[in-house]
Amino acid sequence: MNAGTAPCPNPPTFGRHSVVEKLAMMATRIALWPAHVIAARRTLSQLSSLSEYELRDVGLTRQDLMNLTARPLDEDPTPHLNRARISRARRA
């Protein structure tokens, strides 16, 4: 250690959180849950309103949308749809 360098007063904890921090994170997640559900369902609703031609144009099928109904309510459907689209493009 250099003479001009002071030790870090609060070293990083790397994954260790106090009980208060854990409770605050849980409370935040609970409070935001309805917003996540609404956003995910809005995305699915918008995609469901597309025609078969429009879905095919973006690389999706109606079955891709149906598969998402088995996912948790607040889960963002975008990564799943993107994986389906990429997988289909690779097979073609």
Protein backbone atom coordinates (compact mmCIF):
# COMPACT_ATOMS: atom_id res chain seq x y z
CA MET A 1 0.00 0.00 0.00
CA ASN A 2 1.29 3.46 -0.88
CA ALA A 3 1.80 6.02 1.82
CA GLY A 4 -0.62 8.40 0.09
CA THR A 5 -3.42 5.84 -0.28
CA ALA A 6 -5.96 5.32 2.46
CA PRO A 7 -7.75 1.99 2.85
CA CYS A 8 -11.28 1.83 1.56
CA PRO A 9 -13.60 2.65 4.49
CA ASN A 10 -16.48 0.57 3.12
CA PRO A 11 -15.15 -2.42 1.20
CA PRO A 12 -17.59 -4.00 -1.28
CA THR A 13 -19.72 -6.77 0.17
CA PHE A 14 -20.25 -8.72 -3.09
CA GLY A 15 -23.66 -10.25 -2.61
CA ARG A 16 -23.99 -9.87 1.12
CA HIS A 17 -26.87 -7.62 2.09
CA SER A 18 -28.19 -6.70 5.47
CA VAL A 19 -31.63 -7.82 6.53
CA VAL A 20 -32.90 -4.27 6.11
CA GLU A 21 -31.55 -4.11 2.55
CA LYS A 22 -33.14 -7.47 1.72
CA LEU A 23 -36.49 -6.34 3.12
CA ALA A 24 -36.28 -3.08 1.17
CA MET A 25 -35.52 -4.95 -2.04
CA MET A 26 -38.41 -7.34 -1.40
CA ALA A 27 -40.81 -4.48 -0.67
CA THR A 28 -39.74 -2.72 -3.87
CA ARG A 29 -40.25 -5.87 -5.90
CA ILE A 30 -43.70 -6.41 -4.40
CA ALA A 31 -44.67 -2.80 -5.03
CA LEU A 32 -43.53 -2.96 -8.67
CA TRP A 33 -45.07 -6.37 -9.42
CA PRO A 34 -48.40 -5.02 -10.73
CA ALA A 35 -46.58 -2.69 -13.12
CA HIS A 36 -44.51 -5.60 -14.47
CA VAL A 37 -47.65 -7.71 -14.97
CA ILE A 38 -49.41 -4.89 -16.80
CA ALA A 39 -46.42 -4.23 -19.07
CA ALA A 40 -45.97 -7.92 -19.94
CA ARG A 41 -49.68 -8.42 -20.63
CA ARG A 42 -49.81 -5.24 -22.72
CA THR A 43 -46.98 -6.56 -24.90
CA LEU A 44 -48.76 -9.88 -25.38
CA SER A 45 -52.03 -8.12 -26.15
CA GLN A 46 -50.40 -5.94 -28.78
CA LEU A 47 -48.74 -8.94 -30.41
CA SER A 48 -51.99 -10.90 -30.30
CA SER A 49 -53.72 -8.16 -32.24
CA LEU A 50 -51.30 -8.59 -35.17
CA SER A 51 -52.39 -10.57 -38.21
CA GLU A 52 -50.72 -13.84 -39.16
CA TYR A 53 -48.89 -11.99 -41.94
CA GLU A 54 -47.57 -9.34 -39.52
CA LEU A 55 -46.45 -11.98 -37.02
CA ARG A 56 -44.68 -13.92 -39.77
CA ASP A 57 -43.06 -10.67 -40.91
CA VAL A 58 -41.38 -10.27 -37.51
CA GLY A 59 -40.51 -13.98 -37.34
CA LEU A 60 -43.18 -15.14 -34.90
CA THR A 61 -46.17 -17.44 -34.97
CA ARG A 62 -49.42 -17.52 -33.05
CA GLN A 63 -48.04 -20.60 -31.24
CA ASP A 64 -45.13 -18.53 -29.91
CA LEU A 65 -47.66 -16.27 -28.24
CA MET A 66 -49.63 -19.21 -26.87
CA ASN A 67 -46.44 -20.68 -25.36
CA LEU A 68 -45.96 -17.49 -23.34
CA THR A 69 -49.21 -17.97 -21.46
CA ALA A 70 -47.46 -20.67 -19.41
CA ARG A 71 -44.81 -18.19 -18.23
CA PRO A 72 -45.12 -16.21 -14.97
CA LEU A 73 -47.42 -13.19 -15.22
CA ASP A 74 -44.75 -10.57 -14.60
CA GLU A 75 -42.09 -12.07 -16.84
CA ASP A 76 -41.02 -9.97 -19.81
CA PRO A 77 -41.99 -11.96 -22.94
CA THR A 78 -39.43 -10.25 -25.18
CA PRO A 79 -36.44 -12.59 -24.54
CA HIS A 80 -38.59 -15.70 -25.10
CA LEU A 81 -40.03 -14.34 -28.32
CA ASN A 82 -36.59 -13.31 -29.52
CA ARG A 83 -35.21 -16.82 -28.87
CA ALA A 84 -38.14 -18.36 -30.79
CA ARG A 85 -37.57 -16.00 -33.69
CA ILE A 86 -33.82 -16.67 -33.83
CA SER A 87 -34.32 -20.42 -33.55
CA ARG A 88 -36.82 -20.38 -36.40
CA ALA A 89 -34.51 -18.26 -38.56
CA ARG A 90 -31.62 -20.69 -38.02
CA ARG A 91 -33.74 -23.67 -39.05
CA ALA A 92 -34.82 -21.96 -42.27
